[in-house]
């Protein structure tokens, strides 16, 4: 097995997708990537996202962080293709990291990925970011799953926004039930979140789930299970790489929390977000309780001001009512 921590490591076998049957640990399928979809002795596939709503049409998305690209694999066709885009590349201004006082420079491309709930047309939204970046992006899998179309980018990729200073992120995972995207902030030893129904991706619209300079040093994986529990693995990798491994210390930790508790009180809590659907409900609600304005009669000056204040009160009450029902 190649040692990826060595500067001149060698790939002994081509990168492969291996599918196991967890009932008996047998290998169901092994698929080797074609040579034109990776760079020998350079490519590093550090993350994979699976779109598996239909067993006959499963797709896998493999992120190559060292030769930034996205390999799309079709289970049905047992075929794969490489997708390239500038958004997979690093931001050179975000290359300096500081994890618990250890300063280093990395150049890792597309890393974190999270798939949304399936849409009526059978596609999902793939949220992604390079590790050496503070920005988040999204693209529809409808585009990625079309082998021919995916080679002709025409505005399908969108830039959502920035996580702000020290906002470099490694892994991410999207909880389909809540629509919340969880991601690791490796410089801050923290897990953060953003609700995908929020129309804005800003520092203000993102929430801080958990932060610890002891237990959350370099969070390296995030998952949400079928019981709505979030799991986070931290492994202190920069400490191991640049200062050495101390077996007398706790280096690996597995932390968990119910999703509802993790996002409670954050910007990702559904009660704190007015989505487009809620705006439509508010409009319908206001239309039903706010009668059309009548033409003011002579001598009734000031009534417009009273009506405006009354409308403002009605709007506020409607908003509060809908937020409580959401």
C-alpha atoms as a PDB file:
ATOM      1  CA  UNK A   1       0.000   0.000   0.000  1.00  0.00           C
ATOM      2  CA  UNK A   2       1.296   3.459  -0.885  1.00  0.00           C
ATOM      3  CA  UNK A   3       2.250   5.836   1.911  1.00  0.00           C
ATOM      4  CA  UNK A   4       0.488   9.044   0.881  1.00  0.00           C
ATOM      5  CA  UNK A   5       2.420  11.009   3.510  1.00  0.00           C
ATOM      6  CA  UNK A   6       5.663  10.445   1.636  1.00  0.00           C
ATOM      7  CA  UNK A   7       6.537  13.186  -0.888  1.00  0.00           C
ATOM      8  CA  UNK A   8       7.246  10.645  -3.651  1.00  0.00           C
ATOM      9  CA  UNK A   9       4.724   7.900  -3.012  1.00  0.00           C
ATOM     10  CA  UNK A  10       3.910   5.341  -5.719  1.00  0.00           C
ATOM     11  CA  UNK A  11       0.500   3.917  -6.623  1.00  0.00           C
ATOM     12  CA  UNK A  12       0.829   0.136  -6.571  1.00  0.00           C
ATOM     13  CA  UNK A  13      -2.646  -0.411  -8.097  1.00  0.00           C
ATOM     14  CA  UNK A  14      -5.062   1.838 -10.008  1.00  0.00           C
ATOM     15  CA  UNK A  15      -7.672   3.689  -7.911  1.00  0.00           C
ATOM     16  CA  UNK A  16     -10.729   1.459  -7.542  1.00  0.00           C
ATOM     17  CA  UNK A  17     -14.300   1.485  -6.306  1.00  0.00           C
ATOM     18  CA  UNK A  18     -14.913  -1.578  -4.143  1.00  0.00           C
ATOM     19  CA  UNK A  19     -18.467  -2.473  -3.086  1.00  0.00           C
ATOM     20  CA  UNK A  20     -18.965  -4.814  -0.122  1.00  0.00           C
ATOM     21  CA  UNK A  21     -21.981  -6.779   1.037  1.00  0.00           C
ATOM     22  CA  UNK A  22     -22.009  -5.982   4.755  1.00  0.00           C
ATOM     23  CA  UNK A  23     -24.049  -9.097   5.502  1.00  0.00           C
ATOM     24  CA  UNK A  24     -21.089 -11.374   4.815  1.00  0.00           C
ATOM     25  CA  UNK A  25     -18.247  -8.930   3.938  1.00  0.00           C
ATOM     26  CA  UNK A  26     -18.034 -10.319   0.416  1.00  0.00           C
ATOM     27  CA  UNK A  27     -16.978  -8.118  -2.499  1.00  0.00           C
ATOM     28  CA  UNK A  28     -19.957  -7.409  -4.754  1.00  0.00           C
ATOM     29  CA  UNK A  29     -18.058  -5.429  -7.357  1.00  0.00           C
ATOM     30  CA  UNK A  30     -14.626  -3.981  -7.980  1.00  0.00           C
ATOM     31  CA  UNK A  31     -14.224  -1.256 -10.583  1.00  0.00           C
ATOM     32  CA  UNK A  32     -10.830   0.143 -11.550  1.00  0.00           C
ATOM     33  CA  UNK A  33     -10.782   3.705 -12.826  1.00  0.00           C
ATOM     34  CA  UNK A  34      -9.548   4.075 -16.418  1.00  0.00           C
ATOM     35  CA  UNK A  35      -6.091   5.600 -16.751  1.00  0.00           C
ATOM     36  CA  UNK A  36      -7.401   8.778 -18.370  1.00  0.00           C
ATOM     37  CA  UNK A  37      -9.410   9.615 -15.217  1.00  0.00           C
ATOM     38  CA  UNK A  38      -6.518   9.980 -12.772  1.00  0.00           C
ATOM     39  CA  UNK A  39      -2.879  11.048 -12.699  1.00  0.00           C
ATOM     40  CA  UNK A  40      -0.491   8.238 -11.823  1.00  0.00           C
ATOM     41  CA  UNK A  41       1.314   8.760  -8.503  1.00  0.00           C
ATOM     42  CA  UNK A  42      -0.468  12.066  -7.936  1.00  0.00           C
ATOM     43  CA  UNK A  43      -4.242  11.625  -7.788  1.00  0.00           C
ATOM     44  CA  UNK A  44      -5.699  11.106  -4.328  1.00  0.00           C
ATOM     45  CA  UNK A  45      -9.384  10.220  -4.002  1.00  0.00           C
ATOM     46  CA  UNK A  46     -10.114  11.241  -0.426  1.00  0.00           C
ATOM     47  CA  UNK A  47     -13.905  11.385  -0.465  1.00  0.00           C
ATOM     48  CA  UNK A  48     -16.902   9.730  -2.099  1.00  0.00           C
ATOM     49  CA  UNK A  49     -20.602  10.656  -2.182  1.00  0.00           C
ATOM     50  CA  UNK A  50     -23.298   8.139  -3.131  1.00  0.00           C
ATOM     51  CA  UNK A  51     -26.632   8.944  -4.797  1.00  0.00           C
ATOM     52  CA  UNK A  52     -28.642   5.804  -4.069  1.00  0.00           C
ATOM     53  CA  UNK A  53     -32.338   6.637  -4.100  1.00  0.00           C
ATOM     54  CA  UNK A  54     -32.905   4.010  -6.812  1.00  0.00           C
ATOM     55  CA  UNK A  55     -30.908   0.769  -6.600  1.00  0.00           C
ATOM     56  CA  UNK A  56     -30.935   0.419 -10.376  1.00  0.00           C
ATOM     57  CA  UNK A  57     -29.558   3.924 -10.887  1.00  0.00           C
ATOM     58  CA  UNK A  58     -26.882   4.407  -8.248  1.00  0.00           C
ATOM     59  CA  UNK A  59     -24.217   7.020  -8.927  1.00  0.00           C
ATOM     60  CA  UNK A  60     -20.974   7.627  -7.060  1.00  0.00           C
ATOM     61  CA  UNK A  61     -19.026  10.891  -7.070  1.00  0.00           C
ATOM     62  CA  UNK A  62     -15.294  10.649  -6.314  1.00  0.00           C
ATOM     63  CA  UNK A  63     -13.289  13.749  -5.409  1.00  0.00           C
ATOM     64  CA  UNK A  64      -9.650  13.872  -6.519  1.00  0.00           C
ATOM     65  CA  UNK A  65      -8.009  16.403  -4.217  1.00  0.00           C
ATOM     66  CA  UNK A  66      -4.484  16.308  -5.684  1.00  0.00           C
ATOM     67  CA  UNK A  67      -5.357  16.530  -9.382  1.00  0.00           C
ATOM     68  CA  UNK A  68      -8.613  18.390  -8.810  1.00  0.00           C
ATOM     69  CA  UNK A  69     -11.437  16.670 -10.628  1.00  0.00           C
ATOM     70  CA  UNK A  70     -14.658  14.746 -10.054  1.00  0.00           C
ATOM     71  CA  UNK A  71     -15.123  11.185 -11.294  1.00  0.00           C
ATOM     72  CA  UNK A  72     -18.752  10.143 -11.826  1.00  0.00           C
ATOM     73  CA  UNK A  73     -19.507   6.410 -11.697  1.00  0.00           C
ATOM     74  CA  UNK A  74     -22.721   4.748 -12.920  1.00  0.00           C
ATOM     75  CA  UNK A  75     -23.619   1.450 -11.233  1.00  0.00           C
ATOM     76  CA  UNK A  76     -26.079   0.513 -13.975  1.00  0.00           C
ATOM     77  CA  UNK A  77     -23.608   1.036 -16.820  1.00  0.00           C
ATOM     78  CA  UNK A  78     -20.507   0.076 -14.810  1.00  0.00           C
ATOM     79  CA  UNK A  79     -18.859   3.078 -16.406  1.00  0.00           C
ATOM     80  CA  UNK A  80     -17.236   6.302 -15.222  1.00  0.00           C
ATOM     81  CA  UNK A  81     -16.172   9.669 -16.604  1.00  0.00           C
ATOM     82  CA  UNK A  82     -14.109  12.609 -15.409  1.00  0.00           C
ATOM     83  CA  UNK A  83     -15.614  16.069 -14.930  1.00  0.00           C
ATOM     84  CA  UNK A  84     -13.359  19.115 -14.694  1.00  0.00           C
ATOM     85  CA  UNK A  85     -14.174  22.624 -13.518  1.00  0.00           C
ATOM     86  CA  UNK A  86     -12.293  25.611 -12.129  1.00  0.00           C
ATOM     87  CA  UNK A  87     -14.350  25.451  -8.926  1.00  0.00           C
ATOM     88  CA  UNK A  88     -12.586  22.181  -8.045  1.00  0.00           C
ATOM     89  CA  UNK A  89      -9.237  23.981  -7.791  1.00  0.00           C
ATOM     90  CA  UNK A  90      -7.610  25.597  -4.783  1.00  0.00           C
ATOM     91  CA  UNK A  91      -7.736  29.232  -3.759  1.00  0.00           C
ATOM     92  CA  UNK A  92      -4.044  30.204  -3.483  1.00  0.00           C
ATOM     93  CA  UNK A  93      -4.925  32.807  -0.849  1.00  0.00           C
ATOM     94  CA  UNK A  94      -6.299  30.072   1.437  1.00  0.00           C
ATOM     95  CA  UNK A  95      -3.262  27.791   1.444  1.00  0.00           C
ATOM     96  CA  UNK A  96      -2.007  28.568   4.951  1.00  0.00           C
ATOM     97  CA  UNK A  97      -3.481  26.501   7.786  1.00  0.00           C
ATOM     98  CA  UNK A  98      -3.080  26.818  11.531  1.00  0.00           C
ATOM     99  CA  UNK A  99      -4.373  23.866  13.532  1.00  0.00           C
ATOM    100  CA  UNK A 100      -3.768  24.183  17.266  1.00  0.00           C
ATOM    101  CA  UNK A 101      -0.662  26.288  16.699  1.00  0.00           C
ATOM    102  CA  UNK A 102       0.802  24.081  13.961  1.00  0.00           C
ATOM    103  CA  UNK A 103       1.225  26.178  10.814  1.00  0.00           C
ATOM    104  CA  UNK A 104       1.475  24.418   7.455  1.00  0.00           C
ATOM    105  CA  UNK A 105       0.596  24.883   3.786  1.00  0.00           C
ATOM    106  CA  UNK A 106      -1.641  22.509   1.845  1.00  0.00           C
ATOM    107  CA  UNK A 107      -2.911  22.581  -1.736  1.00  0.00           C
ATOM    108  CA  UNK A 108      -5.935  20.280  -1.651  1.00  0.00           C
ATOM    109  CA  UNK A 109      -8.662  20.688  -4.256  1.00  0.00           C
ATOM    110  CA  UNK A 110     -12.261  19.456  -4.153  1.00  0.00           C
ATOM    111  CA  UNK A 111     -12.781  17.611  -0.882  1.00  0.00           C
ATOM    112  CA  UNK A 112     -16.059  18.099   0.987  1.00  0.00           C
ATOM    113  CA  UNK A 113     -19.248  16.904  -0.738  1.00  0.00           C
ATOM    114  CA  UNK A 114     -22.884  16.649   0.309  1.00  0.00           C
ATOM    115  CA  UNK A 115     -25.899  15.450  -1.681  1.00  0.00           C
ATOM    116  CA  UNK A 116     -29.368  16.920  -1.226  1.00  0.00           C
ATOM    117  CA  UNK A 117     -32.686  15.092  -1.205  1.00  0.00           C
ATOM    118  CA  UNK A 118     -33.754  13.689  -4.571  1.00  0.00           C
ATOM    119  CA  UNK A 119     -35.848  16.067  -6.683  1.00  0.00           C
ATOM    120  CA  UNK A 120     -38.887  15.037  -8.777  1.00  0.00           C
ATOM    121  CA  UNK A 121     -36.678  14.787 -11.880  1.00  0.00           C
ATOM    122  CA  UNK A 122     -34.428  12.238 -10.135  1.00  0.00           C
ATOM    123  CA  UNK A 123     -31.488  14.594  -9.618  1.00  0.00           C
ATOM    124  CA  UNK A 124     -29.859  16.018  -6.497  1.00  0.00           C
ATOM    125  CA  UNK A 125     -27.810  19.083  -5.715  1.00  0.00           C
ATOM    126  CA  UNK A 126     -24.153  18.337  -5.008  1.00  0.00           C
ATOM    127  CA  UNK A 127     -22.679  20.864  -2.579  1.00  0.00           C
ATOM    128  CA  UNK A 128     -18.883  20.870  -2.603  1.00  0.00           C
ATOM    129  CA  UNK A 129     -15.727  22.799  -1.782  1.00  0.00           C
ATOM    130  CA  UNK A 130     -11.965  22.447  -2.104  1.00  0.00           C
ATOM    131  CA  UNK A 131     -10.164  22.120   1.216  1.00  0.00           C
ATOM    132  CA  UNK A 132      -7.810  24.944   0.269  1.00  0.00           C
ATOM    133  CA  UNK A 133     -10.643  27.423  -0.064  1.00  0.00           C
ATOM    134  CA  UNK A 134     -13.199  29.269   2.036  1.00  0.00           C
ATOM    135  CA  UNK A 135     -15.976  29.121  -0.581  1.00  0.00           C
ATOM    136  CA  UNK A 136     -18.913  26.774  -1.181  1.00  0.00           C
ATOM    137  CA  UNK A 137     -20.293  25.702  -4.560  1.00  0.00           C
ATOM    138  CA  UNK A 138     -23.187  23.650  -5.919  1.00  0.00           C
ATOM    139  CA  UNK A 139     -24.067  21.795  -9.118  1.00  0.00           C
ATOM    140  CA  UNK A 140     -27.023  19.624 -10.117  1.00  0.00           C
ATOM    141  CA  UNK A 141     -26.310  15.928 -10.579  1.00  0.00           C
ATOM    142  CA  UNK A 142     -28.622  16.044 -13.593  1.00  0.00           C
ATOM    143  CA  UNK A 143     -25.707  17.687 -15.366  1.00  0.00           C
ATOM    144  CA  UNK A 144     -23.049  15.399 -13.864  1.00  0.00           C
ATOM    145  CA  UNK A 145     -24.921  12.176 -14.706  1.00  0.00           C
ATOM    146  CA  UNK A 146     -25.093  13.041 -18.397  1.00  0.00           C
ATOM    147  CA  UNK A 147     -21.751  11.765 -19.690  1.00  0.00           C
ATOM    148  CA  UNK A 148     -21.754  13.934 -22.810  1.00  0.00           C
ATOM    149  CA  UNK A 149     -23.281  17.064 -21.277  1.00  0.00           C
ATOM    150  CA  UNK A 150     -20.932  17.011 -18.283  1.00  0.00           C
ATOM    151  CA  UNK A 151     -18.015  17.704 -20.615  1.00  0.00           C
ATOM    152  CA  UNK A 152     -19.602  20.979 -21.768  1.00  0.00           C
ATOM    153  CA  UNK A 153     -20.038  23.223 -18.752  1.00  0.00           C
ATOM    154  CA  UNK A 154     -22.447  26.062 -19.461  1.00  0.00           C
ATOM    155  CA  UNK A 155     -23.224  27.780 -16.184  1.00  0.00           C
ATOM    156  CA  UNK A 156     -24.405  24.703 -14.276  1.00  0.00           C
ATOM    157  CA  UNK A 157     -21.929  25.307 -11.453  1.00  0.00           C
ATOM    158  CA  UNK A 158     -22.840  28.046  -8.966  1.00  0.00           C
ATOM    159  CA  UNK A 159     -20.842  29.876  -6.325  1.00  0.00           C
ATOM    160  CA  UNK A 160     -22.859  30.119  -3.102  1.00  0.00           C
ATOM    161  CA  UNK A 161     -20.658  32.275  -0.885  1.00  0.00           C
ATOM    162  CA  UNK A 162     -17.825  32.312   1.629  1.00  0.00           C
ATOM    163  CA  UNK A 163     -17.280  30.907   5.114  1.00  0.00           C
ATOM    164  CA  UNK A 164     -15.077  33.895   5.917  1.00  0.00           C
ATOM    165  CA  UNK A 165     -11.552  34.152   7.383  1.00  0.00           C
ATOM    166  CA  UNK A 166     -10.057  30.835   8.543  1.00  0.00           C
ATOM    167  CA  UNK A 167     -13.021  29.149   6.883  1.00  0.00           C
ATOM    168  CA  UNK A 168     -11.113  26.335   5.172  1.00  0.00           C
ATOM    169  CA  UNK A 169     -13.150  23.150   5.365  1.00  0.00           C
ATOM    170  CA  UNK A 170     -12.425  19.478   4.819  1.00  0.00           C
ATOM    171  CA  UNK A 171     -15.308  17.002   5.053  1.00  0.00           C
ATOM    172  CA  UNK A 172     -19.016  17.740   4.821  1.00  0.00           C
ATOM    173  CA  UNK A 173     -22.300  15.847   4.909  1.00  0.00           C
ATOM    174  CA  UNK A 174     -25.863  16.894   4.119  1.00  0.00           C
ATOM    175  CA  UNK A 175     -28.654  15.613   6.348  1.00  0.00           C
ATOM    176  CA  UNK A 176     -31.513  15.086   3.912  1.00  0.00           C
ATOM    177  CA  UNK A 177     -34.243  15.118   6.551  1.00  0.00           C
ATOM    178  CA  UNK A 178     -33.442  18.626   7.816  1.00  0.00           C
ATOM    179  CA  UNK A 179     -31.691  19.943   4.715  1.00  0.00           C
ATOM    180  CA  UNK A 180     -28.735  20.995   6.869  1.00  0.00           C
ATOM    181  CA  UNK A 181     -25.215  20.838   5.470  1.00  0.00           C
ATOM    182  CA  UNK A 182     -22.638  20.023   8.156  1.00  0.00           C
ATOM    183  CA  UNK A 183     -18.942  20.705   7.560  1.00  0.00           C
ATOM    184  CA  UNK A 184     -15.633  20.776   9.400  1.00  0.00           C
ATOM    185  CA  UNK A 185     -13.775  24.043  10.013  1.00  0.00           C
ATOM    186  CA  UNK A 186     -10.284  22.635  10.435  1.00  0.00           C
ATOM    187  CA  UNK A 187      -8.520  25.864  11.442  1.00  0.00           C
ATOM    188  CA  UNK A 188     -11.071  26.421  14.197  1.00  0.00           C
ATOM    189  CA  UNK A 189     -11.365  22.832  15.466  1.00  0.00           C
ATOM    190  CA  UNK A 190     -15.085  23.098  14.881  1.00  0.00           C
ATOM    191  CA  UNK A 191     -18.159  21.716  13.150  1.00  0.00           C
ATOM    192  CA  UNK A 192     -20.424  24.252  11.468  1.00  0.00           C
ATOM    193  CA  UNK A 193     -23.683  24.114   9.531  1.00  0.00           C
ATOM    194  CA  UNK A 194     -25.807  25.844   6.924  1.00  0.00           C
ATOM    195  CA  UNK A 195     -29.443  25.171   6.045  1.00  0.00           C
ATOM    196  CA  UNK A 196     -29.712  24.652   2.302  1.00  0.00           C
ATOM    197  CA  UNK A 197     -33.158  26.273   2.115  1.00  0.00           C
ATOM    198  CA  UNK A 198     -31.555  29.524   3.204  1.00  0.00           C
ATOM    199  CA  UNK A 199     -31.175  31.716   0.096  1.00  0.00           C
ATOM    200  CA  UNK A 200     -27.970  33.267   1.486  1.00  0.00           C
ATOM    201  CA  UNK A 201     -24.626  31.594   2.205  1.00  0.00           C
ATOM    202  CA  UNK A 202     -22.909  34.127   4.450  1.00  0.00           C
ATOM    203  CA  UNK A 203     -21.091  34.096   7.763  1.00  0.00           C
ATOM    204  CA  UNK A 204     -24.306  35.300   9.394  1.00  0.00           C
ATOM    205  CA  UNK A 205     -26.425  32.505   7.891  1.00  0.00           C
ATOM    206  CA  UNK A 206     -24.072  29.756   9.091  1.00  0.00           C
ATOM    207  CA  UNK A 207     -24.152  28.185  12.536  1.00  0.00           C
ATOM    208  CA  UNK A 208     -21.498  26.837  14.896  1.00  0.00           C
ATOM    209  CA  UNK A 209     -22.419  23.347  16.098  1.00  0.00           C
ATOM    210  CA  UNK A 210     -19.436  22.380  18.253  1.00  0.00           C
ATOM    211  CA  UNK A 211     -15.918  23.644  18.881  1.00  0.00           C
ATOM    212  CA  UNK A 212     -13.140  22.208  21.048  1.00  0.00           C
ATOM    213  CA  UNK A 213      -9.366  22.568  21.047  1.00  0.00           C
ATOM    214  CA  UNK A 214      -9.139  19.179  22.757  1.00  0.00           C
ATOM    215  CA  UNK A 215     -11.720  16.799  21.330  1.00  0.00           C
ATOM    216  CA  UNK A 216     -12.266  18.316  17.870  1.00  0.00           C
ATOM    217  CA  UNK A 217      -8.706  18.755  16.595  1.00  0.00           C
ATOM    218  CA  UNK A 218      -8.884  18.087  12.852  1.00  0.00           C
ATOM    219  CA  UNK A 219     -12.361  16.603  12.298  1.00  0.00           C
ATOM    220  CA  UNK A 220     -11.858  14.152   9.442  1.00  0.00           C
ATOM    221  CA  UNK A 221     -15.302  12.674   8.802  1.00  0.00           C
ATOM    222  CA  UNK A 222     -18.975  13.545   9.346  1.00  0.00           C
ATOM    223  CA  UNK A 223     -22.013  11.330   8.863  1.00  0.00           C
ATOM    224  CA  UNK A 224     -25.687  11.288   9.885  1.00  0.00           C
ATOM    225  CA  UNK A 225     -27.240   7.866  10.472  1.00  0.00           C
ATOM    226  CA  UNK A 226     -30.781   6.591   9.909  1.00  0.00           C
ATOM    227  CA  UNK A 227     -31.667   7.418  13.526  1.00  0.00           C
ATOM    228  CA  UNK A 228     -30.902  11.123  12.959  1.00  0.00           C
ATOM    229  CA  UNK A 229     -27.643  11.091  14.910  1.00  0.00           C
ATOM    230  CA  UNK A 230     -24.605  12.995  13.692  1.00  0.00           C
ATOM    231  CA  UNK A 231     -21.211  11.302  14.035  1.00  0.00           C
ATOM    232  CA  UNK A 232     -17.854  13.084  13.824  1.00  0.00           C
ATOM    233  CA  UNK A 233     -14.386  11.531  13.732  1.00  0.00           C
ATOM    234  CA  UNK A 234     -11.381  13.646  14.764  1.00  0.00           C
ATOM    235  CA  UNK A 235      -7.810  12.382  14.389  1.00  0.00           C
ATOM    236  CA  UNK A 236      -5.264  15.187  15.049  1.00  0.00           C
ATOM    237  CA  UNK A 237      -3.627  14.503  11.670  1.00  0.00           C
ATOM    238  CA  UNK A 238      -1.494  17.700  11.511  1.00  0.00           C
ATOM    239  CA  UNK A 239      -0.064  16.904  14.957  1.00  0.00           C
ATOM    240  CA  UNK A 240       0.858  13.417  13.788  1.00  0.00           C
ATOM    241  CA  UNK A 241       2.361  14.670  10.528  1.00  0.00           C
ATOM    242  CA  UNK A 242       4.391  17.625  11.782  1.00  0.00           C
ATOM    243  CA  UNK A 243       5.114  16.932  15.459  1.00  0.00           C
ATOM    244  CA  UNK A 244       4.992  13.161  15.704  1.00  0.00           C
ATOM    245  CA  UNK A 245       2.626  10.562  17.099  1.00  0.00           C
ATOM    246  CA  UNK A 246       2.327  10.357  20.877  1.00  0.00           C
ATOM    247  CA  UNK A 247       0.739   7.037  21.814  1.00  0.00           C
ATOM    248  CA  UNK A 248       0.199   8.176  25.407  1.00  0.00           C
ATOM    249  CA  UNK A 249      -2.295  10.815  24.254  1.00  0.00           C
ATOM    250  CA  UNK A 250      -5.816  10.377  22.910  1.00  0.00           C
ATOM    251  CA  UNK A 251      -5.411  10.930  19.176  1.00  0.00           C
ATOM    252  CA  UNK A 252      -8.661   9.585  17.761  1.00  0.00           C
ATOM    253  CA  UNK A 253     -12.136  10.478  18.952  1.00  0.00           C
ATOM    254  CA  UNK A 254     -15.648   9.640  17.806  1.00  0.00           C
ATOM    255  CA  UNK A 255     -18.279  12.162  18.874  1.00  0.00           C
ATOM    256  CA  UNK A 256     -22.031  12.008  18.380  1.00  0.00           C
ATOM    257  CA  UNK A 257     -25.165  14.061  18.974  1.00  0.00           C
ATOM    258  CA  UNK A 258     -28.774  14.036  17.747  1.00  0.00           C
ATOM    259  CA  UNK A 259     -29.113  16.354  14.769  1.00  0.00           C
ATOM    260  CA  UNK A 260     -31.958  18.283  16.402  1.00  0.00           C
ATOM    261  CA  UNK A 261     -29.753  19.013  19.423  1.00  0.00           C
ATOM    262  CA  UNK A 262     -26.749  19.876  17.266  1.00  0.00           C
ATOM    263  CA  UNK A 263     -28.587  22.602  15.353  1.00  0.00           C
ATOM    264  CA  UNK A 264     -30.778  23.816  18.209  1.00  0.00           C
ATOM    265  CA  UNK A 265     -30.389  27.557  18.644  1.00  0.00           C
ATOM    266  CA  UNK A 266     -28.119  27.958  15.611  1.00  0.00           C
ATOM    267  CA  UNK A 267     -28.752  29.663  12.286  1.00  0.00           C
ATOM    268  CA  UNK A 268     -29.532  26.178  10.932  1.00  0.00           C
ATOM    269  CA  UNK A 269     -32.566  25.745  13.163  1.00  0.00           C
ATOM    270  CA  UNK A 270     -35.664  25.690  10.936  1.00  0.00           C
ATOM    271  CA  UNK A 271     -37.549  28.036  13.264  1.00  0.00           C
ATOM    272  CA  UNK A 272     -35.046  30.784  12.570  1.00  0.00           C
ATOM    273  CA  UNK A 273     -35.205  30.785   8.772  1.00  0.00           C
ATOM    274  CA  UNK A 274     -37.785  32.306   6.459  1.00  0.00           C
ATOM    275  CA  UNK A 275     -37.667  30.146   3.344  1.00  0.00           C
ATOM    276  CA  UNK A 276     -39.259  31.030  -0.023  1.00  0.00           C
ATOM    277  CA  UNK A 277     -42.071  28.598   0.801  1.00  0.00           C
ATOM    278  CA  UNK A 278     -42.700  30.398   4.082  1.00  0.00           C
ATOM    279  CA  UNK A 279     -42.692  33.750   2.296  1.00  0.00           C
ATOM    280  CA  UNK A 280     -45.421  32.448  -0.008  1.00  0.00           C
ATOM    281  CA  UNK A 281     -47.427  31.268   3.007  1.00  0.00           C
ATOM    282  CA  UNK A 282     -47.023  34.674   4.648  1.00  0.00           C
ATOM    283  CA  UNK A 283     -48.246  36.433   1.531  1.00  0.00           C
ATOM    284  CA  UNK A 284     -51.314  34.209   1.294  1.00  0.00           C
ATOM    285  CA  UNK A 285     -51.949  34.660   5.004  1.00  0.00           C
ATOM    286  CA  UNK A 286     -51.659  38.444   4.760  1.00  0.00           C
ATOM    287  CA  UNK A 287     -53.910  38.540   1.715  1.00  0.00           C
ATOM    288  CA  UNK A 288     -56.580  36.700   3.680  1.00  0.00           C
ATOM    289  CA  UNK A 289     -56.486  38.983   6.736  1.00  0.00           C
ATOM    290  CA  UNK A 290     -55.644  42.355   5.178  1.00  0.00           C
ATOM    291  CA  UNK A 291     -58.666  43.782   3.298  1.00  0.00           C
ATOM    292  CA  UNK A 292     -58.146  46.083   0.304  1.00  0.00           C
ATOM    293  CA  UNK A 293     -57.617  49.717   1.154  1.00  0.00           C
ATOM    294  CA  UNK A 294     -60.655  51.963   0.710  1.00  0.00           C
ATOM    295  CA  UNK A 295     -60.378  55.389  -0.851  1.00  0.00           C
ATOM    296  CA  UNK A 296     -60.045  57.938   1.991  1.00  0.00           C
ATOM    297  CA  UNK A 297     -62.791  60.505   2.254  1.00  0.00           C
ATOM    298  CA  UNK A 298     -62.261  64.212   2.581  1.00  0.00           C
ATOM    299  CA  UNK A 299     -61.352  65.251   6.087  1.00  0.00           C
ATOM    300  CA  UNK A 300     -59.861  61.856   7.052  1.00  0.00           C
ATOM    301  CA  UNK A 301     -56.217  62.905   7.054  1.00  0.00           C
ATOM    302  CA  UNK A 302     -53.944  60.643   9.072  1.00  0.00           C
ATOM    303  CA  UNK A 303     -55.897  57.470   8.340  1.00  0.00           C
ATOM    304  CA  UNK A 304     -53.195  56.250   5.974  1.00  0.00           C
ATOM    305  CA  UNK A 305     -50.635  56.423   8.769  1.00  0.00           C
ATOM    306  CA  UNK A 306     -52.934  54.455  11.072  1.00  0.00           C
ATOM    307  CA  UNK A 307     -53.511  51.858   8.356  1.00  0.00           C
ATOM    308  CA  UNK A 308     -49.757  51.551   7.767  1.00  0.00           C
ATOM    309  CA  UNK A 309     -49.104  50.924  11.454  1.00  0.00           C
ATOM    310  CA  UNK A 310     -51.962  48.433  11.591  1.00  0.00           C
ATOM    311  CA  UNK A 311     -50.581  46.627   8.547  1.00  0.00           C
ATOM    312  CA  UNK A 312     -47.137  46.477  10.157  1.00  0.00           C
ATOM    313  CA  UNK A 313     -48.629  44.870  13.270  1.00  0.00           C
ATOM    314  CA  UNK A 314     -50.570  42.371  11.173  1.00  0.00           C
ATOM    315  CA  UNK A 315     -47.448  41.473   9.196  1.00  0.00           C
ATOM    316  CA  UNK A 316     -45.445  40.932  12.385  1.00  0.00           C
ATOM    317  CA  UNK A 317     -48.168  38.739  13.882  1.00  0.00           C
ATOM    318  CA  UNK A 318     -48.410  36.722  10.672  1.00  0.00           C
ATOM    319  CA  UNK A 319     -44.649  36.169  10.571  1.00  0.00           C
ATOM    320  CA  UNK A 320     -44.531  35.041  14.193  1.00  0.00           C
ATOM    321  CA  UNK A 321     -47.502  32.744  13.661  1.00  0.00           C
ATOM    322  CA  UNK A 322     -45.969  31.092  10.611  1.00  0.00           C
ATOM    323  CA  UNK A 323     -42.567  30.687  12.244  1.00  0.00           C
ATOM    324  CA  UNK A 324     -44.206  28.857  15.128  1.00  0.00           C
ATOM    325  CA  UNK A 325     -46.108  26.579  12.743  1.00  0.00           C
ATOM    326  CA  UNK A 326     -43.071  25.822  10.534  1.00  0.00           C
END
